[in-house]
Structure formats: structure tokens, C-alpha cells
Protein backbone atom coordinates (compact mmCIF):
# COMPACT_ATOMS: atom_id res chain seq x y z
CA GLN A 1 30.27 52.28 6.28
CA GLU A 2 27.68 55.01 5.99
CA GLU A 3 24.87 52.52 6.54
CA GLU A 4 26.56 51.18 9.71
CA ASP A 5 27.05 54.71 11.05
CA ALA A 6 23.42 55.51 10.36
CA GLN A 7 22.31 52.31 12.14
CA ARG A 8 24.43 53.12 15.21
CA ALA A 9 23.05 56.65 15.31
CA TYR A 10 19.50 55.27 15.07
CA GLU A 11 20.11 52.86 17.93
CA ALA A 12 21.72 55.52 20.11
CA LEU A 13 18.69 57.73 19.57
CA HIS A 14 16.37 55.04 20.96
CA VAL A 15 18.53 53.55 23.72
CA GLU A 16 17.30 56.03 26.30
CA LYS A 17 13.74 55.73 25.04
CA TRP A 18 13.83 52.02 25.84
CA SER A 19 15.56 52.34 29.21
CA LEU A 20 14.71 49.44 31.52
CA ASP A 21 15.69 51.41 34.63
CA ARG A 22 13.18 54.09 33.75
CA ALA A 23 10.50 51.50 32.93
CA ILE A 24 10.98 49.82 36.32
CA LEU A 25 10.95 53.17 38.12
CA LEU A 26 7.64 54.09 36.48
CA HIS A 27 5.85 50.75 36.65
CA GLY A 28 7.83 48.35 38.87
CA THR A 29 6.91 46.99 42.27
CA ASP A 30 8.52 48.17 45.50
CA ASP A 31 10.84 45.14 45.50
CA GLU A 32 12.16 46.09 42.06
CA GLN A 33 12.93 49.70 42.96
CA ASN A 34 16.48 50.71 43.84
CA VAL A 35 15.79 54.30 44.90
CA PRO A 36 14.21 55.77 48.05
CA ASP A 37 10.97 57.75 47.97
CA VAL A 38 9.65 55.87 44.93
CA ILE A 39 6.34 57.72 44.62
CA SER A 40 7.77 61.22 44.44
CA ASN A 41 10.51 60.12 42.01
CA ARG A 42 7.93 58.36 39.84
CA GLU A 43 5.66 61.41 39.69
CA GLU A 44 8.55 63.75 38.95
CA LEU A 45 9.86 61.53 36.16
CA SER A 46 6.42 61.00 34.64
CA SER A 47 5.80 64.74 34.45
CA GLN A 48 8.98 65.19 32.40
CA LEU A 49 8.22 62.53 29.78
CA THR A 50 6.34 62.81 26.52
CA GLN A 51 3.55 60.39 25.66
CA PRO A 52 5.74 58.30 23.28
CA LEU A 53 8.32 57.85 26.03
CA LYS A 54 5.63 56.86 28.54
CA ARG A 55 4.20 54.29 26.13
CA ALA A 56 7.68 52.87 25.46
CA ALA A 57 8.36 52.53 29.21
CA SER A 58 4.99 50.83 29.73
CA ASP A 59 5.53 48.35 26.90
CA LEU A 60 9.09 47.54 27.94
CA TYR A 61 8.05 46.84 31.51
CA LYS A 62 5.24 44.55 30.35
CA ALA A 63 7.67 42.56 28.20
CA TYR A 64 10.18 42.47 31.07
CA TYR A 65 7.51 41.20 33.47
CA ILE A 66 6.40 38.51 31.00
CA LEU A 67 9.99 37.29 30.59
CA GLN A 68 10.68 37.29 34.34
CA LYS A 69 7.50 35.40 35.18
CA ALA A 70 8.18 32.69 32.59
CA SER A 71 11.83 32.39 33.72
CA GLN A 72 10.77 31.74 37.29
CA ARG A 73 8.26 29.14 36.18
CA LEU A 74 10.93 27.40 34.09
CA LYS A 75 13.47 27.69 36.94
CA LEU A 76 16.19 29.12 34.71
CA PRO A 77 19.58 30.24 36.08
CA ILE A 78 19.97 33.95 36.82
CA ARG A 79 22.67 34.44 34.16
CA ILE A 80 20.27 33.28 31.43
CA ILE A 81 17.56 35.63 32.70
CA GLN A 82 19.95 38.58 32.80
CA ASP A 83 21.28 38.00 29.28
CA ALA A 84 17.77 37.53 27.89
CA THR A 85 16.66 40.76 29.57
CA ASN A 86 19.61 42.67 28.10
CA ALA A 87 18.84 41.28 24.64
CA LEU A 88 15.20 42.30 25.05
CA CYS A 89 16.21 45.91 25.64
CA GLN A 90 18.63 45.83 22.69
CA TYR A 91 15.91 44.46 20.45
CA ALA A 92 13.54 47.24 21.48
CA ALA A 93 16.20 49.90 20.83
CA ARG A 94 17.15 48.54 17.41
CA LYS A 95 13.58 48.00 16.25
CA ASP A 96 12.10 50.95 18.17
CA GLY A 97 9.44 48.59 19.43
CA LEU A 98 8.68 45.06 20.54
CA SER A 99 6.60 43.89 17.62
CA VAL A 100 7.09 40.54 15.89
CA LYS A 101 5.95 40.07 12.30
CA GLY A 102 3.37 37.36 11.70
CA VAL A 103 2.28 37.04 15.34
CA SER A 104 -1.21 38.53 15.49
CA SER A 105 -4.89 37.70 15.31
CA ARG A 106 -7.71 39.38 13.41
CA LEU A 107 -11.35 40.19 14.07
CA SER A 108 -14.20 39.28 11.82
CA SER A 109 -16.15 42.17 10.35
CA ALA A 110 -19.10 41.30 12.59
CA HIS A 111 -17.06 42.08 15.74
CA SER A 112 -15.15 45.17 14.60
CA SER A 113 -16.35 47.60 17.25
CA LYS A 114 -13.93 50.13 18.68
CA GLU A 115 -13.81 48.35 22.03
CA ALA A 116 -13.21 44.97 20.41
CA CYS A 117 -10.41 46.39 18.25
CA GLU A 118 -8.65 47.84 21.31
CA LYS A 119 -8.89 44.51 23.17
CA LEU A 120 -7.47 42.72 20.15
CA ARG A 121 -4.62 45.22 19.90
CA GLN A 122 -3.64 44.62 23.52
CA TYR A 123 -4.00 40.87 23.04
CA ASN A 124 -1.71 40.89 19.99
CA LYS A 125 0.82 43.09 21.78
CA HIS A 126 0.96 40.64 24.69
CA LYS A 127 1.34 37.68 22.32
CA GLN A 128 4.20 39.35 20.44
CA MET A 129 6.01 40.19 23.68
CA ALA A 130 5.60 36.62 24.94
CA SER A 131 6.79 35.21 21.59
CA LEU A 132 9.86 37.41 21.73
CA ALA A 133 10.58 36.44 25.34
CA SER A 134 10.19 32.72 24.58
CA ALA A 135 12.65 32.94 21.68
CA LEU A 136 15.16 34.84 23.83
CA LEU A 137 14.97 32.29 26.64
CA PHE A 138 15.41 29.46 24.14
CA PHE A 139 18.47 31.08 22.53
CA GLU A 140 20.09 32.08 25.82
CA SER A 141 19.55 28.63 27.33
CA ARG A 142 21.30 27.05 24.38
CA LYS A 143 24.08 29.63 24.44
CA HIS A 144 24.82 28.83 28.08
CA GLY A 145 24.87 25.07 27.51
CA GLN A 146 21.44 24.48 29.04
CA HIS A 147 18.70 22.56 27.27
CA ARG A 148 15.08 23.54 27.39
CA PRO A 149 12.89 22.05 24.66
CA MET A 150 11.01 24.74 22.80
CA GLN A 151 7.70 23.14 23.73
CA ASP A 152 8.52 23.44 27.44
CA ILE A 153 9.48 27.08 27.09
CA CYS A 154 6.26 27.87 25.25
CA LYS A 155 4.24 26.31 28.09
CA GLY A 156 5.85 28.75 30.51
CA PHE A 157 3.89 31.70 29.12
CA ASP A 158 0.35 32.73 30.01
CA GLY A 159 -2.01 34.90 28.03
CA PRO A 160 -3.27 38.29 29.24
CA SER A 161 -5.79 38.30 32.07
CA SER A 162 -8.68 38.45 29.63
CA SER A 163 -7.60 35.11 28.11
CA SER A 164 -6.18 33.37 31.17
CA LYS A 165 -8.08 30.16 30.34
CA GLU A 166 -6.48 29.84 26.92
CA GLU A 167 -4.26 26.78 26.62
CA ASP A 168 -0.97 26.87 24.71
CA PHE A 169 -1.08 30.64 24.41
CA ILE A 170 2.35 30.66 22.78
CA LYS A 171 2.74 28.03 20.09
CA LEU A 172 5.87 26.83 18.31
CA LYS A 173 5.03 28.89 15.23
CA HIS A 174 4.95 32.08 17.32
CA THR A 175 8.36 31.39 18.85
CA SER A 176 9.77 30.47 15.44
CA LYS A 177 8.72 33.81 13.96
CA ALA A 178 10.37 35.67 16.83
CA MET A 179 13.51 33.57 16.40
CA LYS A 180 13.70 34.59 12.77
CA GLU A 181 13.67 38.28 13.67
CA LEU A 182 16.23 37.80 16.44
CA ARG A 183 18.64 35.98 14.12
CA ALA A 184 18.46 38.89 11.71
CA LEU A 185 19.51 41.34 14.46
CA PHE A 186 21.88 39.20 16.53
CA PRO A 187 24.29 36.99 14.51
CA GLU A 188 25.37 35.13 17.68
CA TYR A 189 21.93 33.53 17.86
CA LYS A 190 22.59 31.78 14.55
CA ARG A 191 25.29 29.80 16.32
CA ALA A 192 23.29 29.15 19.48
CA THR A 193 21.39 26.19 18.00
CA THR A 194 24.21 24.52 16.08
CA THR A 195 25.65 22.48 18.94
CA LEU A 196 24.46 21.26 22.29
CA PRO A 197 26.46 19.07 24.70
CA GLU A 198 24.97 15.62 25.05
CA ASP A 199 25.25 15.67 28.84
CA SER A 200 23.13 18.86 29.09
CA LEU A 201 20.21 17.24 27.30
CA VAL A 202 20.54 13.95 29.16
CA GLU A 203 20.81 15.71 32.51
CA TYR A 204 17.72 17.79 31.82
CA VAL A 205 15.56 14.90 30.57
CA THR A 206 16.62 12.40 33.23
CA ARG A 207 15.98 14.98 35.93
CA LYS A 208 12.55 15.55 34.47
CA LEU A 209 11.90 11.79 34.52
CA GLN A 210 13.36 11.54 38.05
CA LEU A 211 15.65 8.64 37.16
CA PRO A 212 18.17 7.13 39.62
CA PRO A 213 21.82 8.30 39.38
CA VAL A 214 23.09 5.01 37.92
CA ALA A 215 20.41 5.13 35.20
CA THR A 216 21.36 8.71 34.36
CA ALA A 217 25.06 7.90 34.14
CA SER A 218 24.34 4.83 31.99
CA ILE A 219 22.25 6.87 29.58
CA GLU A 220 25.00 9.46 29.26
CA VAL A 221 27.55 6.76 28.40
CA LEU A 222 25.37 5.14 25.74
CA VAL A 223 24.32 8.45 24.18
CA GLN A 224 27.97 9.43 23.79
CA THR A 225 28.85 6.01 22.42
CA LEU A 226 26.01 5.91 19.89
CA LYS A 227 26.36 9.56 18.87
CA GLU A 228 29.74 8.71 17.36
CA ARG A 229 28.18 5.95 15.25
CA GLU A 230 24.76 7.45 14.45
CA ASP A 231 25.71 11.01 13.57
CA ARG A 232 22.61 11.46 11.39
CA LEU A 233 20.20 10.95 14.27
CA LYS A 234 18.85 14.00 16.06
CA LEU A 235 20.06 14.15 19.62
CA PRO A 236 16.60 14.22 21.32
CA THR A 237 15.53 11.16 19.29
CA LEU A 238 18.68 9.22 20.15
CA CYS A 239 18.36 10.24 23.79
CA ALA A 240 14.74 9.04 23.93
CA ALA A 241 15.64 5.65 22.43
CA VAL A 242 18.52 5.16 24.86
CA ILE A 243 16.31 6.12 27.81
CA LEU A 244 13.75 3.53 26.70
CA PHE A 245 16.50 0.91 26.47
CA VAL A 246 18.09 1.66 29.85
CA THR A 247 14.85 2.03 31.79
CA THR A 248 13.42 -1.18 30.32
CA THR A 249 16.65 -3.04 31.14
CA GLY A 250 16.51 -1.70 34.68
CA ALA A 251 12.89 -2.79 35.03
CA VAL A 252 13.89 -6.32 33.93
CA MET A 253 16.69 -6.49 36.51
CA GLN A 254 14.39 -5.27 39.27
CA ARG A 255 11.78 -7.86 38.34
CA LEU A 256 14.44 -10.59 38.39
CA ALA A 257 15.70 -9.32 41.74
CA GLU A 258 12.21 -9.55 43.22
CA GLN A 259 11.84 -13.12 42.01
CA ALA A 260 15.34 -14.01 43.22
CA ALA A 261 14.58 -12.64 46.67
CA ALA A 262 11.29 -14.53 46.85
CA TYR A 263 12.84 -17.76 45.51
CA GLY A 264 15.88 -18.03 47.76
CA SER A 265 15.24 -15.75 50.73
CA SER A 266 15.11 -18.63 53.19
CA GLN A 267 18.37 -20.22 52.05
CA LEU A 268 20.73 -17.29 51.30
CA PRO A 269 24.37 -18.09 52.34
CA GLU A 270 26.61 -15.77 54.31
CA LYS A 271 30.07 -15.06 52.92
CA GLY A 272 32.83 -17.00 54.66
CA ILE A 273 30.67 -19.72 56.18
CA LYS A 274 31.38 -22.85 54.18
CA GLU A 275 29.20 -25.02 56.36
CA ASN A 276 26.06 -23.24 55.12
CA ALA A 277 27.09 -23.79 51.53
CA MET A 278 27.70 -27.50 52.15
CA ASP A 279 24.39 -27.95 53.98
CA SER A 280 22.51 -26.22 51.22
CA LYS A 281 23.56 -28.93 48.76
CA LYS A 282 21.47 -31.39 50.71
CA ALA A 283 18.45 -29.09 50.65
CA SER A 284 16.24 -28.18 47.75
CA PHE A 285 17.53 -25.95 44.96
CA ASP A 286 19.11 -22.75 46.23
CA LEU A 287 19.58 -19.87 43.82
CA PHE A 288 22.90 -18.68 45.26
CA SER A 289 24.68 -21.90 46.29
CA HIS A 290 23.64 -24.49 43.72
CA ASP A 291 26.60 -26.09 42.01
CA PRO A 292 28.53 -24.81 39.97
CA ILE A 293 28.13 -21.35 41.55
CA ALA A 294 30.97 -20.87 44.02
CA GLU A 295 30.54 -19.29 47.43
CA ASP A 296 32.17 -15.97 46.46
CA ARG A 297 30.14 -15.83 43.31
CA ALA A 298 26.98 -16.53 45.31
CA TYR A 299 27.74 -13.69 47.68
CA GLU A 300 28.35 -11.29 44.79
CA MET A 301 25.07 -12.29 43.20
CA ARG A 302 23.25 -11.75 46.47
CA GLN A 303 24.76 -8.27 46.76
CA MET A 304 23.65 -7.43 43.23
CA TRP A 305 20.06 -8.61 43.70
CA ASP A 306 19.78 -6.82 47.03
CA ALA A 307 21.03 -3.63 45.39
CA TRP A 308 18.43 -3.88 42.64
CA VAL A 309 15.64 -4.47 45.15
CA GLU A 310 16.67 -1.32 47.03
CA GLN A 311 16.66 0.86 43.90
CA MET A 312 13.80 3.20 43.14
CA PRO A 313 11.84 1.98 40.08
CA TRP A 314 13.73 2.37 36.79
CA GLY A 315 10.82 1.66 34.46
CA ARG A 316 9.16 4.55 32.64
CA THR A 317 6.22 4.47 30.28
CA MET A 318 6.56 5.24 26.61
CA ARG A 319 4.32 8.24 27.15
CA ASP A 320 6.61 9.67 29.85
CA ILE A 321 9.68 9.38 27.62
CA GLU A 322 7.83 10.78 24.61
CA GLN A 323 6.71 13.86 26.53
CA SER A 324 10.05 14.49 28.23
CA CYS A 325 12.08 14.31 25.01
CA ASN A 326 9.37 15.76 22.75
CA VAL A 327 9.78 12.86 20.32
CA ASP A 328 6.89 11.17 18.54
CA GLU A 329 6.28 7.60 19.72
CA SER A 330 6.44 6.14 16.21
CA ILE A 331 9.85 7.73 15.61
CA LEU A 332 11.07 6.62 19.03
CA LEU A 333 10.08 3.00 18.41
CA HIS A 334 11.59 2.99 14.90
CA VAL A 335 14.97 4.15 16.21
CA TYR A 336 14.81 1.67 19.08
CA LYS A 337 14.01 -1.25 16.76
CA THR A 338 16.60 -0.41 14.11
CA LYS A 339 19.46 1.19 16.06
CA ILE A 340 19.29 0.05 19.69
CA TYR A 341 17.72 -3.40 19.89
CA PRO A 342 20.00 -5.14 17.34
CA GLN A 343 23.08 -4.22 19.39
CA ARG A 344 21.56 -4.56 22.86
CA GLY A 345 24.11 -7.18 23.97
CA GLU A 346 27.04 -5.00 22.95
CA LEU A 347 25.57 -1.96 24.67
CA LEU A 348 24.97 -3.83 27.93
CA SER A 349 28.51 -5.20 27.78
CA THR A 350 29.76 -1.64 27.33
CA LEU A 351 28.10 -0.57 30.57
CA GLN A 352 29.53 -3.59 32.42
CA ARG A 353 32.99 -2.90 31.04
CA TYR A 354 33.12 0.76 32.05
CA THR A 355 32.19 0.00 35.66
CA SER A 356 35.18 -2.33 36.10
CA SER A 357 37.76 -0.82 33.73
CA THR A 358 40.81 0.94 35.23
CA GLU A 359 41.21 3.18 32.19
CA THR A 360 40.68 6.92 32.49
CA ASN A 361 38.22 7.99 29.83
CA ASN A 362 35.16 10.10 29.18
CA TYR A 363 32.97 7.52 30.91
CA SER A 364 34.60 7.75 34.34
CA LYS A 365 31.41 9.34 35.69
CA LEU A 366 29.65 5.96 35.42
CA LYS A 367 32.39 4.19 37.34
CA SER A 368 32.37 6.83 40.08
CA THR A 369 28.57 6.72 40.50
CA PRO A 370 27.70 4.95 43.79
CA ARG A 371 26.40 1.37 43.39
CA ALA A 372 27.04 1.36 39.62
CA ALA A 373 29.66 -1.42 39.81
CA VAL A 374 27.31 -3.65 41.81
CA LEU A 375 24.14 -2.94 39.87
CA LEU A 376 25.67 -3.31 36.40
CA SER A 377 28.01 -6.24 37.12
CA ASN A 378 25.71 -8.78 35.40
CA LEU A 379 23.57 -6.52 33.27
CA LEU A 380 23.91 -8.78 30.24
CA MET A 381 21.40 -11.11 31.91
CA ALA A 382 18.62 -8.79 30.81
CA SER A 383 19.49 -9.02 27.13
CA ALA A 384 17.39 -12.13 26.51
CA LEU A 385 14.35 -10.57 28.17
CA LEU A 386 14.11 -7.49 25.97
CA ASP A 387 12.06 -7.34 22.80
CA LYS A 388 12.10 -5.00 19.83
CA ASN A 389 8.90 -3.21 20.88
CA GLY A 390 10.55 -1.62 23.89
CA THR A 391 8.98 -3.99 26.41
CA ALA A 392 10.26 -6.88 28.52
CA CYS A 393 9.07 -10.29 29.65
CA VAL A 394 9.98 -12.51 32.55
CA ASN A 395 8.73 -16.09 32.46
CA ALA A 396 8.50 -17.22 36.09
CA PRO A 397 8.52 -21.01 35.41
CA THR A 398 11.95 -20.78 33.77
CA MET A 399 13.56 -18.75 36.57
CA GLN A 400 15.35 -21.76 38.10
CA SER A 401 17.12 -22.73 34.89
CA TYR A 402 17.70 -19.10 34.06
CA PHE A 403 19.63 -18.40 37.25
CA ASN A 404 21.85 -21.43 36.68
CA ASP A 405 23.49 -19.60 33.76
CA GLU A 406 25.84 -16.70 34.39
CA GLN A 407 25.29 -15.12 30.98
CA PRO A 408 22.27 -16.48 29.10
CA SER A 409 22.23 -16.39 25.33
CA ASP A 410 19.86 -14.11 23.45
CA THR A 411 18.27 -17.16 21.81
CA ARG A 412 16.88 -18.68 25.03
CA PRO A 413 13.11 -19.06 24.54
CA PHE A 414 10.94 -16.88 26.80
CA LYS A 415 7.21 -16.57 26.65
CA ARG A 416 5.74 -13.09 26.70
CA ALA A 417 4.61 -12.16 30.18
CA ARG A 418 4.29 -8.85 31.91
CA ALA A 419 5.37 -5.75 30.01
CA TYR A 420 7.17 -2.80 31.56
């Protein structure tokens, strides 16, 4: 009890020293000021402060500015920025400073002049402030159910003006050291990284990859489905493997749609006109009316292929997925080969089922997504055209026989053609 009382007294002593309002009044821009006659108020306040208080205000404003600038670059919600700013001030009050252990650089003895030492001191101070801000933004994003990979947050920070050309100014090791100090002071941050909703990660990554709505909804469904079975897999890794699977499947369907449009564009039937269907039997092979495909079935197929042609491209490169999910390509391919590819038929059937099912469940978002029912109605067609390396092949000479079958088997022989 005595130790807690002493700690509270220590913090209370430094709360005013590390006042953000005072720091903004002394060093903030006109847009940040909330009082009239800023110059006279600033001069009056400055004359009343001791040198330690002036230094504290200067340091706190620098850290505040670093955090605000990175938050704007990362496009974080205002509530995350506010909570991170409050935690920054609390950290300064509890530690009586903004230092972070283990985040600093040293000079060689050959460059130990007084001027060089001062530059290094300012450089290290800026790096420690940025490390602290990056850790706070990471924790607060997680706490509010947002997902920002640590690598992306680190890229949001620049070095001081003297090192503006330095790349990756804040590295993962710097943020990790700041996280360690924050966890020691704020127990709630220990819980911030334990859980993260699947949809937050999927939404963030798919938005970064600019995927179509139906692709995003499909990925969410499969991530939730597989997460229940593969509880040992890390969420970003599973998400990356599912994205590879869905985008490759979509690329296959779009390629088939292009070939279907080119193959039967001159002989497509209109729904309800039986005469066209009868006449087409006398003509050469027609993709949508050839026996045994019925007229209604032909019309449905035409709708599906037209919908796929109209979609923005689903395919994404391995490099794009790797960078968006921050997952190594070798790990991504291993999970795809061992966990996704062997059950590709079941997974595609799952997507088809949830677009037509009348049940109310956690996957209703897929069913309510526009065009999902049309696009995914025959998704199992793509199963035979996927391979375990995360690529796809479409053998043009076999297209006629391929379209005769409603659901081809996975054992149909296809020669390797163009990869997506």
C-alpha cells in the first residue's frame, strides 16, 4: 500500500509538468490553439516556467506531433488517435520522460565531437519518441478492434529532418522495445494483442488489395470456417492463404467467362424464346443450348458468365498478398498446399451453399452481397483448374467438352497453360 501511495504521489507531481495543453500553447500552431491572443499568452507563460518545465513541454509537443503526423498518414480513426495521445501523456508523467530503453545509436570515437554528440542526442530522442508512438498506435488499434500490421505502422514514421532520406527509420525491434515498456506500465495493453476479430483483419487486407465485394465476403466466410478447424494457424497466415485461394479461383472463372463469351457470343439464346433453342440444334455447337442443357439452365449460365466478365479483376500476385498480409511467401505456399488445396472442392461448395441457403447464420453477409448468388452459383467448376502451387490453368482446346459438364471432376486432365 505504501508503494502504491508513493507511486501515485510521484505521478501527481509530474502530471502538470507533462501537460499537453501547456505544450501546445508554447509550441503549437495557430490551428492547434484554443485561446485568443496566442503570442502574449505564450510569452507570459514562458516567463513563468523553469528550464526543466520548458524542456518537458518541448519534448512532449515533439512526441505529440510525431504521433499525429503518423496517424494522419495511416488514416487512423480519431478515437484511436485520442486514446494514444492520452496514453502518451500518462507515460511521460509516470516515467518523467519519453525515453525508451534499448532504442539509441552510438558514435565511434573518431566522430565524438561536441557538435556530433548533440546531433546524436537529438536523433536518439526523436527515434525513442517515434518508437513509443508506433507502439501506442499499434496497441490502441488492436484495442479498438482495428488491425494495422506492425510493419505498416512502422512505415508511417519519418526520421528527423537531418535524416529524412533514411528508409525504415523505425524498425520492428524499436517498436517491440517500446511495447515492452508500455506493457509494464499499462496492464490493459497485455490484453490488447490476445484477440483480434477475423473480419477486422480481412476487411483491412482486402481493402488494401482493392478486392471486389464478393471476393471480400467470400474470404471472410472461409477464414471463419477454417479458423474453427485450424486453430494453430496464425490469423494473418490463414488469411493470406485464403486470399490466394479465392483470388485464384476468381481469376479462373473470369478466364472461363472470357472464353465462353468469345465461343458462343453469336449464338446466345434469349430466355423464353424456344424457337431460338430449337434452331440452335441445327447449327454448330452452342455453349448455352447444346443438349442436355435446358433453356432455363442456359439462361442462368449466360447470366453467370456475363456477371464474371463485368467484374473487376480478382487475380492478385503472390507478391501483393505477401506484402499486404506480411507473410513470407514460403510459409504462405506451405499453408496453401497443405491446408487449402486438399479441400478446395469442399470450400468452393461451402461458398455456393451459403449463397443459396435460407438459414440465418454468421455467413449471411455473403448472401446479402450484391451479385454473390450469380457469381458463385457454379464456382465448383474452377476446382479442376487449380493447382497446389497457387496458380491456375485453362486449356483452350478442351473448353467445348468442359462446358458440357455442369460440375467437372477434379481428375479431369488439363495441361498447364497460363498462370494467374
